[in-house]
PDB file of N, CA and C in Angstrom:
ATOM      1  N   UNK A   1     114.742 125.015 106.153  1.00  0.00           N
ATOM      2  CA  UNK A   1     114.164 123.994 105.303  1.00  0.00           C
ATOM      3  C   UNK A   1     115.009 123.886 104.036  1.00  0.00           C
ATOM      4  N   UNK A   2     115.400 122.667 103.711  1.00  0.00           N
ATOM      5  CA  UNK A   2     116.176 122.437 102.490  1.00  0.00           C
ATOM      6  C   UNK A   2     115.306 122.668 101.254  1.00  0.00           C
ATOM      7  N   UNK A   3     115.961 122.906 100.149  1.00  0.00           N
ATOM      8  CA  UNK A   3     115.255 123.160  98.891  1.00  0.00           C
ATOM      9  C   UNK A   3     114.349 121.982  98.516  1.00  0.00           C
ATOM     10  N   UNK A   4     114.841 120.760  98.688  1.00  0.00           N
ATOM     11  CA  UNK A   4     114.020 119.581  98.365  1.00  0.00           C
ATOM     12  C   UNK A   4     112.829 119.474  99.312  1.00  0.00           C
ATOM     13  N   UNK A   5     113.031 119.834 100.585  1.00  0.00           N
ATOM     14  CA  UNK A   5     111.925 119.817 101.551  1.00  0.00           C
ATOM     15  C   UNK A   5     110.856 120.826 101.152  1.00  0.00           C
ATOM     16  N   UNK A   6     111.282 121.987 100.688  1.00  0.00           N
ATOM     17  CA  UNK A   6     110.349 123.033 100.262  1.00  0.00           C
ATOM     18  C   UNK A   6     109.514 122.560  99.080  1.00  0.00           C
ATOM     19  N   UNK A   7     110.138 121.865  98.140  1.00  0.00           N
ATOM     20  CA  UNK A   7     109.397 121.339  96.990  1.00  0.00           C
ATOM     21  C   UNK A   7     108.364 120.311  97.433  1.00  0.00           C
ATOM     22  N   UNK A   8     108.766 119.422  98.329  1.00  0.00           N
ATOM     23  CA  UNK A   8     107.832 118.418  98.846  1.00  0.00           C
ATOM     24  C   UNK A   8     106.695 119.109  99.585  1.00  0.00           C
ATOM     25  N   UNK A   9     107.031 120.090 100.408  1.00  0.00           N
ATOM     26  CA  UNK A   9     106.017 120.798 101.187  1.00  0.00           C
ATOM     27  C   UNK A   9     105.019 121.506 100.284  1.00  0.00           C
ATOM     28  N   UNK A  10     105.498 122.135  99.229  1.00  0.00           N
ATOM     29  CA  UNK A  10     104.601 122.803  98.282  1.00  0.00           C
ATOM     30  C   UNK A  10     103.655 121.800  97.629  1.00  0.00           C
ATOM     31  N   UNK A  11     104.184 120.672  97.189  1.00  0.00           N
ATOM     32  CA  UNK A  11     103.355 119.630  96.575  1.00  0.00           C
ATOM     33  C   UNK A  11     102.359 119.068  97.578  1.00  0.00           C
ATOM     34  N   UNK A  12     102.821 118.857  98.785  1.00  0.00           N
ATOM     35  CA  UNK A  12     101.973 118.314  99.844  1.00  0.00           C
ATOM     36  C   UNK A  12     100.830 119.275 100.164  1.00  0.00           C
ATOM     37  N   UNK A  13     101.137 120.546 100.323  1.00  0.00           N
ATOM     38  CA  UNK A  13     100.092 121.534 100.617  1.00  0.00           C
ATOM     39  C   UNK A  13      99.074 121.629  99.479  1.00  0.00           C
ATOM     40  N   UNK A  14      99.544 121.588  98.251  1.00  0.00           N
ATOM     41  CA  UNK A  14      98.633 121.634  97.103  1.00  0.00           C
ATOM     42  C   UNK A  14      97.717 120.407  97.100  1.00  0.00           C
ATOM     43  N   UNK A  15      98.291 119.236  97.324  1.00  0.00           N
ATOM     44  CA  UNK A  15      97.508 117.996  97.336  1.00  0.00           C
ATOM     45  C   UNK A  15      96.489 118.002  98.470  1.00  0.00           C
ATOM     46  N   UNK A  16      96.904 118.446  99.648  1.00  0.00           N
ATOM     47  CA  UNK A  16      95.986 118.457 100.788  1.00  0.00           C
ATOM     48  C   UNK A  16      94.894 119.512 100.627  1.00  0.00           C
ATOM     49  N   UNK A  17      95.174 120.573  99.887  1.00  0.00           N
ATOM     50  CA  UNK A  17      94.131 121.554  99.572  1.00  0.00           C
ATOM     51  C   UNK A  17      93.063 120.908  98.697  1.00  0.00           C
ATOM     52  N   UNK A  18      93.481 120.077  97.750  1.00  0.00           N
ATOM     53  CA  UNK A  18      92.518 119.336  96.925  1.00  0.00           C
ATOM     54  C   UNK A  18      91.663 118.420  97.797  1.00  0.00           C
ATOM     55  N   UNK A  19      92.313 117.701  98.708  1.00  0.00           N
ATOM     56  CA  UNK A  19      91.582 116.811  99.620  1.00  0.00           C
ATOM     57  C   UNK A  19      90.562 117.611 100.415  1.00  0.00           C
ATOM     58  N   UNK A  20      90.975 118.746 100.940  1.00  0.00           N
ATOM     59  CA  UNK A  20      90.093 119.582 101.749  1.00  0.00           C
ATOM     60  C   UNK A  20      88.870 120.022 100.942  1.00  0.00           C
ATOM     61  N   UNK A  21      89.087 120.479  99.729  1.00  0.00           N
ATOM     62  CA  UNK A  21      87.980 120.926  98.880  1.00  0.00           C
ATOM     63  C   UNK A  21      86.998 119.791  98.613  1.00  0.00           C
ATOM     64  N   UNK A  22      87.513 118.620  98.316  1.00  0.00           N
ATOM     65  CA  UNK A  22      86.654 117.464  98.052  1.00  0.00           C
ATOM     66  C   UNK A  22      85.904 117.065  99.318  1.00  0.00           C
ATOM     67  N   UNK A  23      86.609 116.982 100.433  1.00  0.00           N
ATOM     68  CA  UNK A  23      85.982 116.564 101.693  1.00  0.00           C
ATOM     69  C   UNK A  23      84.894 117.549 102.122  1.00  0.00           C
ATOM     70  N   UNK A  24      85.121 118.838 101.917  1.00  0.00           N
ATOM     71  CA  UNK A  24      84.100 119.822 102.278  1.00  0.00           C
ATOM     72  C   UNK A  24      82.833 119.640 101.452  1.00  0.00           C
ATOM     73  N   UNK A  25      82.982 119.234 100.214  1.00  0.00           N
ATOM     74  CA  UNK A  25      81.804 119.056  99.363  1.00  0.00           C
ATOM     75  C   UNK A  25      81.115 117.710  99.587  1.00  0.00           C
ATOM     76  N   UNK A  26      81.841 116.717 100.080  1.00  0.00           N
ATOM     77  CA  UNK A  26      81.278 115.371 100.209  1.00  0.00           C
ATOM     78  C   UNK A  26      80.915 114.956 101.633  1.00  0.00           C
ATOM     79  N   UNK A  27      81.422 115.656 102.638  1.00  0.00           N
ATOM     80  CA  UNK A  27      81.223 115.226 104.026  1.00  0.00           C
ATOM     81  C   UNK A  27      80.665 116.377 104.857  1.00  0.00           C
ATOM     82  N   UNK A  28      79.424 116.221 105.273  1.00  0.00           N
ATOM     83  CA  UNK A  28      78.772 117.250 106.071  1.00  0.00           C
ATOM     84  C   UNK A  28      79.547 117.485 107.367  1.00  0.00           C
ATOM     85  N   UNK A  29      79.823 118.733 107.652  1.00  0.00           N
ATOM     86  CA  UNK A  29      80.508 119.094 108.884  1.00  0.00           C
ATOM     87  C   UNK A  29      82.018 119.131 108.783  1.00  0.00           C
ATOM     88  N   UNK A  30      82.571 118.687 107.640  1.00  0.00           N
ATOM     89  CA  UNK A  30      84.022 118.775 107.474  1.00  0.00           C
ATOM     90  C   UNK A  30      84.390 120.243 107.344  1.00  0.00           C
ATOM     91  N   UNK A  31      85.353 120.684 108.156  1.00  0.00           N
ATOM     92  CA  UNK A  31      85.732 122.097 108.175  1.00  0.00           C
ATOM     93  C   UNK A  31      87.061 122.356 107.472  1.00  0.00           C
ATOM     94  N   UNK A  32      88.122 121.687 107.930  1.00  0.00           N
ATOM     95  CA  UNK A  32      89.462 121.973 107.421  1.00  0.00           C
ATOM     96  C   UNK A  32      90.399 120.838 107.808  1.00  0.00           C
ATOM     97  N   UNK A  33      91.631 120.921 107.300  1.00  0.00           N
ATOM     98  CA  UNK A  33      92.657 119.965 107.713  1.00  0.00           C
ATOM     99  C   UNK A  33      93.994 120.678 107.800  1.00  0.00           C
ATOM    100  N   UNK A  34      94.907 120.045 108.492  1.00  0.00           N
ATOM    101  CA  UNK A  34      96.268 120.556 108.606  1.00  0.00           C
ATOM    102  C   UNK A  34      97.215 119.374 108.652  1.00  0.00           C
ATOM    103  N   UNK A  35      98.488 119.663 108.532  1.00  0.00           N
ATOM    104  CA  UNK A  35      99.464 118.572 108.588  1.00  0.00           C
ATOM    105  C   UNK A  35     100.690 118.998 109.378  1.00  0.00           C
ATOM    106  N   UNK A  36     101.378 117.998 109.888  1.00  0.00           N
ATOM    107  CA  UNK A  36     102.622 118.179 110.632  1.00  0.00           C
ATOM    108  C   UNK A  36     103.627 117.202 110.055  1.00  0.00           C
ATOM    109  N   UNK A  37     104.872 117.643 109.927  1.00  0.00           N
ATOM    110  CA  UNK A  37     105.882 116.754 109.355  1.00  0.00           C
ATOM    111  C   UNK A  37     107.270 117.178 109.811  1.00  0.00           C
ATOM    112  N   UNK A  38     108.101 116.199 110.026  1.00  0.00           N
ATOM    113  CA  UNK A  38     109.529 116.412 110.256  1.00  0.00           C
ATOM    114  C   UNK A  38     110.213 115.855 109.009  1.00  0.00           C
ATOM    115  N   UNK A  39     110.761 116.735 108.178  1.00  0.00           N
ATOM    116  CA  UNK A  39     111.302 116.284 106.896  1.00  0.00           C
ATOM    117  C   UNK A  39     112.545 115.414 107.031  1.00  0.00           C
ATOM    118  N   UNK A  40     113.155 115.397 108.190  1.00  0.00           N
ATOM    119  CA  UNK A  40     114.268 114.467 108.413  1.00  0.00           C
ATOM    120  C   UNK A  40     113.769 113.028 108.500  1.00  0.00           C
ATOM    121  N   UNK A  41     112.465 112.865 108.762  1.00  0.00           N
ATOM    122  CA  UNK A  41     111.881 111.520 108.873  1.00  0.00           C
ATOM    123  C   UNK A  41     110.661 111.376 107.956  1.00  0.00           C
ATOM    124  N   UNK A  42     110.700 112.020 106.825  1.00  0.00           N
ATOM    125  CA  UNK A  42     109.590 111.985 105.877  1.00  0.00           C
ATOM    126  C   UNK A  42     109.677 110.739 105.015  1.00  0.00           C
ATOM    127  N   UNK A  43     108.599 110.049 104.719  1.00  0.00           N
ATOM    128  CA  UNK A  43     107.209 110.379 105.007  1.00  0.00           C
ATOM    129  C   UNK A  43     106.667 109.771 106.311  1.00  0.00           C
ATOM    130  N   UNK A  44     107.490 108.996 107.018  1.00  0.00           N
ATOM    131  CA  UNK A  44     106.973 108.322 108.216  1.00  0.00           C
ATOM    132  C   UNK A  44     106.496 109.292 109.287  1.00  0.00           C
ATOM    133  N   UNK A  45     107.012 110.525 109.296  1.00  0.00           N
ATOM    134  CA  UNK A  45     106.627 111.497 110.320  1.00  0.00           C
ATOM    135  C   UNK A  45     105.362 112.285 109.969  1.00  0.00           C
ATOM    136  N   UNK A  46     104.830 112.097 108.781  1.00  0.00           N
ATOM    137  CA  UNK A  46     103.680 112.886 108.336  1.00  0.00           C
ATOM    138  C   UNK A  46     102.427 112.545 109.146  1.00  0.00           C
ATOM    139  N   UNK A  47     101.804 113.577 109.701  1.00  0.00           N
ATOM    140  CA  UNK A  47     100.511 113.447 110.378  1.00  0.00           C
ATOM    141  C   UNK A  47      99.558 114.462 109.770  1.00  0.00           C
ATOM    142  N   UNK A  48      98.370 114.007 109.445  1.00  0.00           N
ATOM    143  CA  UNK A  48      97.335 114.862 108.871  1.00  0.00           C
ATOM    144  C   UNK A  48      96.147 114.823 109.821  1.00  0.00           C
ATOM    145  N   UNK A  49      95.642 116.003 110.179  1.00  0.00           N
ATOM    146  CA  UNK A  49      94.518 116.094 111.106  1.00  0.00           C
ATOM    147  C   UNK A  49      93.338 116.712 110.368  1.00  0.00           C
ATOM    148  N   UNK A  50      92.237 115.973 110.324  1.00  0.00           N
ATOM    149  CA  UNK A  50      91.008 116.422 109.673  1.00  0.00           C
ATOM    150  C   UNK A  50      90.048 116.918 110.753  1.00  0.00           C
ATOM    151  N   UNK A  51      89.520 118.125 110.557  1.00  0.00           N
ATOM    152  CA  UNK A  51      88.695 118.765 111.569  1.00  0.00           C
ATOM    153  C   UNK A  51      87.247 118.872 111.091  1.00  0.00           C
ATOM    154  N   UNK A  52      86.350 118.379 111.938  1.00  0.00           N
ATOM    155  CA  UNK A  52      84.912 118.503 111.713  1.00  0.00           C
ATOM    156  C   UNK A  52      84.353 119.533 112.685  1.00  0.00           C
ATOM    157  N   UNK A  53      83.130 119.980 112.431  1.00  0.00           N
ATOM    158  CA  UNK A  53      82.534 120.981 113.311  1.00  0.00           C
ATOM    159  C   UNK A  53      82.138 120.391 114.663  1.00  0.00           C
ATOM    160  N   UNK A  54      81.473 119.239 114.668  1.00  0.00           N
ATOM    161  CA  UNK A  54      80.974 118.656 115.917  1.00  0.00           C
ATOM    162  C   UNK A  54      81.297 117.170 116.001  1.00  0.00           C
ATOM    163  N   UNK A  55      81.198 116.633 117.193  1.00  0.00           N
ATOM    164  CA  UNK A  55      81.375 115.193 117.405  1.00  0.00           C
ATOM    165  C   UNK A  55      80.321 114.416 116.621  1.00  0.00           C
ATOM    166  N   UNK A  56      79.116 114.959 116.555  1.00  0.00           N
ATOM    167  CA  UNK A  56      78.038 114.307 115.814  1.00  0.00           C
ATOM    168  C   UNK A  56      78.388 114.187 114.327  1.00  0.00           C
ATOM    169  N   UNK A  57      78.888 115.252 113.739  1.00  0.00           N
ATOM    170  CA  UNK A  57      79.295 115.209 112.320  1.00  0.00           C
ATOM    171  C   UNK A  57      80.420 114.211 112.109  1.00  0.00           C
ATOM    172  N   UNK A  58      81.373 114.204 113.027  1.00  0.00           N
ATOM    173  CA  UNK A  58      82.493 113.272 112.913  1.00  0.00           C
ATOM    174  C   UNK A  58      82.012 111.830 113.023  1.00  0.00           C
ATOM    175  N   UNK A  59      81.088 111.575 113.931  1.00  0.00           N
ATOM    176  CA  UNK A  59      80.565 110.217 114.114  1.00  0.00           C
ATOM    177  C   UNK A  59      79.843 109.721 112.862  1.00  0.00           C
ATOM    178  N   UNK A  60      79.225 110.637 112.138  1.00  0.00           N
ATOM    179  CA  UNK A  60      78.486 110.263 110.927  1.00  0.00           C
ATOM    180  C   UNK A  60      79.367 110.210 109.680  1.00  0.00           C
ATOM    181  N   UNK A  61      80.563 110.741 109.780  1.00  0.00           N
ATOM    182  CA  UNK A  61      81.452 110.815 108.613  1.00  0.00           C
ATOM    183  C   UNK A  61      82.002 109.446 108.241  1.00  0.00           C
ATOM    184  N   UNK A  62      82.251 109.270 106.966  1.00  0.00           N
ATOM    185  CA  UNK A  62      82.899 108.059 106.478  1.00  0.00           C
ATOM    186  C   UNK A  62      84.413 108.296 106.537  1.00  0.00           C
ATOM    187  N   UNK A  63      84.989 108.033 107.715  1.00  0.00           N
ATOM    188  CA  UNK A  63      86.407 108.300 107.924  1.00  0.00           C
ATOM    189  C   UNK A  63      87.282 107.467 106.996  1.00  0.00           C
ATOM    190  N   UNK A  64      86.875 106.260 106.717  1.00  0.00           N
ATOM    191  CA  UNK A  64      87.660 105.411 105.818  1.00  0.00           C
ATOM    192  C   UNK A  64      87.719 106.021 104.414  1.00  0.00           C
ATOM    193  N   UNK A  65      86.620 106.603 103.961  1.00  0.00           N
ATOM    194  CA  UNK A  65      86.606 107.269 102.651  1.00  0.00           C
ATOM    195  C   UNK A  65      87.598 108.433 102.633  1.00  0.00           C
ATOM    196  N   UNK A  66      87.640 109.194 103.702  1.00  0.00           N
ATOM    197  CA  UNK A  66      88.567 110.330 103.777  1.00  0.00           C
ATOM    198  C   UNK A  66      90.009 109.830 103.787  1.00  0.00           C
ATOM    199  N   UNK A  67      90.281 108.788 104.544  1.00  0.00           N
ATOM    200  CA  UNK A  67      91.638 108.219 104.559  1.00  0.00           C
ATOM    201  C   UNK A  67      92.047 107.744 103.162  1.00  0.00           C
ATOM    202  N   UNK A  68      91.142 107.070 102.491  1.00  0.00           N
ATOM    203  CA  UNK A  68      91.426 106.561 101.148  1.00  0.00           C
ATOM    204  C   UNK A  68      91.661 107.721 100.167  1.00  0.00           C
ATOM    205  N   UNK A  69      90.856 108.770 100.292  1.00  0.00           N
ATOM    206  CA  UNK A  69      91.027 109.958  99.457  1.00  0.00           C
ATOM    207  C   UNK A  69      92.413 110.564  99.671  1.00  0.00           C
ATOM    208  N   UNK A  70      92.808 110.710 100.924  1.00  0.00           N
ATOM    209  CA  UNK A  70      94.127 111.263 101.236  1.00  0.00           C
ATOM    210  C   UNK A  70      95.223 110.369 100.668  1.00  0.00           C
ATOM    211  N   UNK A  71      95.099 109.077 100.880  1.00  0.00           N
ATOM    212  CA  UNK A  71      96.115 108.138 100.384  1.00  0.00           C
ATOM    213  C   UNK A  71      96.240 108.227  98.865  1.00  0.00           C
ATOM    214  N   UNK A  72      95.113 108.273  98.165  1.00  0.00           N
ATOM    215  CA  UNK A  72      95.130 108.336  96.701  1.00  0.00           C
ATOM    216  C   UNK A  72      95.728 109.649  96.189  1.00  0.00           C
ATOM    217  N   UNK A  73      95.353 110.759  96.803  1.00  0.00           N
ATOM    218  CA  UNK A  73      95.876 112.054  96.362  1.00  0.00           C
ATOM    219  C   UNK A  73      97.374 112.137  96.639  1.00  0.00           C
ATOM    220  N   UNK A  74      97.816 111.648  97.790  1.00  0.00           N
ATOM    221  CA  UNK A  74      99.250 111.658  98.087  1.00  0.00           C
ATOM    222  C   UNK A  74     100.013 110.733  97.138  1.00  0.00           C
ATOM    223  N   UNK A  75      99.435 109.591  96.819  1.00  0.00           N
ATOM    224  CA  UNK A  75     100.084 108.672  95.880  1.00  0.00           C
ATOM    225  C   UNK A  75     100.252 109.325  94.504  1.00  0.00           C
ATOM    226  N   UNK A  76      99.318 110.197  94.144  1.00  0.00           N
ATOM    227  CA  UNK A  76      99.401 110.870  92.841  1.00  0.00           C
ATOM    228  C   UNK A  76     100.596 111.826  92.758  1.00  0.00           C
ATOM    229  N   UNK A  77     101.159 112.199  93.913  1.00  0.00           N
ATOM    230  CA  UNK A  77     102.372 113.038  93.920  1.00  0.00           C
ATOM    231  C   UNK A  77     103.557 112.241  94.480  1.00  0.00           C
ATOM    232  N   UNK A  78     103.456 110.926  94.356  1.00  0.00           N
ATOM    233  CA  UNK A  78     104.536 110.003  94.735  1.00  0.00           C
ATOM    234  C   UNK A  78     104.879 110.009  96.220  1.00  0.00           C
ATOM    235  N   UNK A  79     103.885 110.258  97.054  1.00  0.00           N
ATOM    236  CA  UNK A  79     104.043 110.090  98.498  1.00  0.00           C
ATOM    237  C   UNK A  79     103.238 108.859  98.869  1.00  0.00           C
ATOM    238  N   UNK A  80     103.953 107.808  99.198  1.00  0.00           N
ATOM    239  CA  UNK A  80     103.299 106.528  99.482  1.00  0.00           C
ATOM    240  C   UNK A  80     103.377 106.245 100.980  1.00  0.00           C
ATOM    241  N   UNK A  81     102.215 105.978 101.572  1.00  0.00           N
ATOM    242  CA  UNK A  81     102.123 105.673 102.997  1.00  0.00           C
ATOM    243  C   UNK A  81     101.572 104.262 103.145  1.00  0.00           C
ATOM    244  N   UNK A  82     102.295 103.421 103.868  1.00  0.00           N
ATOM    245  CA  UNK A  82     101.875 102.022 104.017  1.00  0.00           C
ATOM    246  C   UNK A  82     100.579 101.899 104.801  1.00  0.00           C
ATOM    247  N   UNK A  83     100.528 102.488 105.980  1.00  0.00           N
ATOM    248  CA  UNK A  83      99.353 102.381 106.842  1.00  0.00           C
ATOM    249  C   UNK A  83      98.767 103.768 107.055  1.00  0.00           C
ATOM    250  N   UNK A  84      97.838 104.144 106.202  1.00  0.00           N
ATOM    251  CA  UNK A  84      97.275 105.493 106.233  1.00  0.00           C
ATOM    252  C   UNK A  84      96.638 105.804 107.581  1.00  0.00           C
ATOM    253  N   UNK A  85      96.137 104.798 108.275  1.00  0.00           N
ATOM    254  CA  UNK A  85      95.513 105.007 109.579  1.00  0.00           C
ATOM    255  C   UNK A  85      96.455 105.576 110.619  1.00  0.00           C
ATOM    256  N   UNK A  86      97.743 105.330 110.464  1.00  0.00           N
ATOM    257  CA  UNK A  86      98.729 105.874 111.405  1.00  0.00           C
ATOM    258  C   UNK A  86      99.043 107.342 111.119  1.00  0.00           C
ATOM    259  N   UNK A  87      98.661 107.812 109.950  1.00  0.00           N
ATOM    260  CA  UNK A  87      99.013 109.164 109.524  1.00  0.00           C
ATOM    261  C   UNK A  87      97.840 110.144 109.550  1.00  0.00           C
ATOM    262  N   UNK A  88      96.619 109.639 109.517  1.00  0.00           N
ATOM    263  CA  UNK A  88      95.439 110.505 109.447  1.00  0.00           C
ATOM    264  C   UNK A  88      94.673 110.422 110.762  1.00  0.00           C
ATOM    265  N   UNK A  89      94.392 111.598 111.316  1.00  0.00           N
ATOM    266  CA  UNK A  89      93.697 111.696 112.597  1.00  0.00           C
ATOM    267  C   UNK A  89      92.499 112.626 112.431  1.00  0.00           C
ATOM    268  N   UNK A  90      91.547 112.509 113.340  1.00  0.00           N
ATOM    269  CA  UNK A  90      90.326 113.311 113.269  1.00  0.00           C
ATOM    270  C   UNK A  90      90.087 114.014 114.597  1.00  0.00           C
ATOM    271  N   UNK A  91      89.529 115.216 114.512  1.00  0.00           N
ATOM    272  CA  UNK A  91      89.168 115.974 115.706  1.00  0.00           C
ATOM    273  C   UNK A  91      88.019 116.898 115.332  1.00  0.00           C
ATOM    274  N   UNK A  92      87.542 117.669 116.321  1.00  0.00           N
ATOM    275  CA  UNK A  92      86.414 118.566 116.064  1.00  0.00           C
ATOM    276  C   UNK A  92      86.644 119.937 116.692  1.00  0.00           C
ATOM    277  N   UNK A  93      86.009 120.929 116.096  1.00  0.00           N
ATOM    278  CA  UNK A  93      86.003 122.273 116.674  1.00  0.00           C
ATOM    279  C   UNK A  93      85.391 122.226 118.071  1.00  0.00           C
ATOM    280  N   UNK A  94      84.355 121.423 118.203  1.00  0.00           N
ATOM    281  CA  UNK A  94      83.665 121.276 119.485  1.00  0.00           C
ATOM    282  C   UNK A  94      84.618 120.776 120.570  1.00  0.00           C
ATOM    283  N   UNK A  95      85.403 119.767 120.268  1.00  0.00           N
ATOM    284  CA  UNK A  95      86.362 119.226 121.240  1.00  0.00           C
ATOM    285  C   UNK A  95      87.435 120.247 121.585  1.00  0.00           C
ATOM    286  N   UNK A  96      87.908 120.966 120.592  1.00  0.00           N
ATOM    287  CA  UNK A  96      88.935 121.980 120.837  1.00  0.00           C
ATOM    288  C   UNK A  96      88.397 123.058 121.768  1.00  0.00           C
ATOM    289  N   UNK A  97      87.172 123.475 121.525  1.00  0.00           N
ATOM    290  CA  UNK A  97      86.563 124.493 122.386  1.00  0.00           C
ATOM    291  C   UNK A  97      86.450 123.984 123.823  1.00  0.00           C
ATOM    292  N   UNK A  98      86.018 122.744 123.979  1.00  0.00           N
ATOM    293  CA  UNK A  98      85.839 122.166 125.314  1.00  0.00           C
ATOM    294  C   UNK A  98      87.163 121.879 126.014  1.00  0.00           C
ATOM    295  N   UNK A  99      88.139 121.375 125.276  1.00  0.00           N
ATOM    296  CA  UNK A  99      89.403 120.928 125.881  1.00  0.00           C
ATOM    297  C   UNK A  99      90.454 122.026 126.002  1.00  0.00           C
ATOM    298  N   UNK A 100      90.438 122.984 125.082  1.00  0.00           N
ATOM    299  CA  UNK A 100      91.525 123.972 125.027  1.00  0.00           C
ATOM    300  C   UNK A 100      91.030 125.392 124.799  1.00  0.00           C
ATOM    301  N   UNK A 101      89.758 125.638 125.120  1.00  0.00           N
ATOM    302  CA  UNK A 101      89.179 126.975 124.939  1.00  0.00           C
ATOM    303  C   UNK A 101      89.362 127.496 123.519  1.00  0.00           C
ATOM    304  N   UNK A 102      89.272 126.593 122.547  1.00  0.00           N
ATOM    305  CA  UNK A 102      89.367 126.984 121.143  1.00  0.00           C
ATOM    306  C   UNK A 102      90.773 127.226 120.634  1.00  0.00           C
ATOM    307  N   UNK A 103      91.761 126.879 121.428  1.00  0.00           N
ATOM    308  CA  UNK A 103      93.161 127.116 121.041  1.00  0.00           C
ATOM    309  C   UNK A 103      93.751 125.848 120.438  1.00  0.00           C
ATOM    310  N   UNK A 104      93.777 125.810 119.121  1.00  0.00           N
ATOM    311  CA  UNK A 104      94.301 124.634 118.427  1.00  0.00           C
ATOM    312  C   UNK A 104      95.775 124.417 118.721  1.00  0.00           C
ATOM    313  N   UNK A 105      96.539 125.489 118.866  1.00  0.00           N
ATOM    314  CA  UNK A 105      97.964 125.327 119.151  1.00  0.00           C
ATOM    315  C   UNK A 105      98.176 124.553 120.448  1.00  0.00           C
ATOM    316  N   UNK A 106      97.357 124.843 121.455  1.00  0.00           N
ATOM    317  CA  UNK A 106      97.449 124.137 122.737  1.00  0.00           C
ATOM    318  C   UNK A 106      97.038 122.675 122.565  1.00  0.00           C
ATOM    319  N   UNK A 107      95.937 122.450 121.868  1.00  0.00           N
ATOM    320  CA  UNK A 107      95.466 121.079 121.658  1.00  0.00           C
ATOM    321  C   UNK A 107      96.476 120.265 120.856  1.00  0.00           C
ATOM    322  N   UNK A 108      97.030 120.852 119.802  1.00  0.00           N
ATOM    323  CA  UNK A 108      98.016 120.133 118.997  1.00  0.00           C
ATOM    324  C   UNK A 108      99.271 119.817 119.806  1.00  0.00           C
ATOM    325  N   UNK A 109      99.691 120.731 120.665  1.00  0.00           N
ATOM    326  CA  UNK A 109     100.846 120.450 121.524  1.00  0.00           C
ATOM    327  C   UNK A 109     100.551 119.293 122.468  1.00  0.00           C
ATOM    328  N   UNK A 110      99.339 119.250 123.011  1.00  0.00           N
ATOM    329  CA  UNK A 110      98.948 118.135 123.885  1.00  0.00           C
ATOM    330  C   UNK A 110      99.040 116.810 123.138  1.00  0.00           C
ATOM    331  N   UNK A 111      98.735 116.846 121.844  1.00  0.00           N
ATOM    332  CA  UNK A 111      98.779 115.644 121.010  1.00  0.00           C
ATOM    333  C   UNK A 111     100.205 115.304 120.574  1.00  0.00           C
ATOM    334  N   UNK A 112     101.133 116.222 120.819  1.00  0.00           N
ATOM    335  CA  UNK A 112     102.522 116.001 120.416  1.00  0.00           C
ATOM    336  C   UNK A 112     102.854 116.524 119.038  1.00  0.00           C
ATOM    337  N   UNK A 113     101.960 117.339 118.461  1.00  0.00           N
ATOM    338  CA  UNK A 113     102.185 117.907 117.135  1.00  0.00           C
ATOM    339  C   UNK A 113     102.506 119.380 117.284  1.00  0.00           C
ATOM    340  N   UNK A 114     103.456 119.834 116.497  1.00  0.00           N
ATOM    341  CA  UNK A 114     103.794 121.252 116.498  1.00  0.00           C
ATOM    342  C   UNK A 114     104.130 121.688 115.085  1.00  0.00           C
ATOM    343  N   UNK A 115     103.820 122.939 114.812  1.00  0.00           N
ATOM    344  CA  UNK A 115     104.171 123.508 113.507  1.00  0.00           C
ATOM    345  C   UNK A 115     105.637 123.814 113.476  1.00  0.00           C
TER     346      UNK A 115
END
């Protein structure tokens, strides 16, 4: 990882931690989030996955509010995304358990995302 990539990654992780803290307090069932990025194609390669506990919680969540929150927090660190819907995805612990026996690494690989 280049020095500039490391700086971006540190800022990105800090910003997404803020998003996570806010989402946990405002959205019932929100558990955690993670991100995937190829810095050779940043920011277009950025994918953020928001994880809820159950399908029911996800169905009741205001996904647009979460997308807007992510977009605003990223903009505050000069990361501008044109179509936030292409970058933010949602899943559940329940789905991971059913589809991949609780193995997020397997599920993320199926989705085409890797750390």
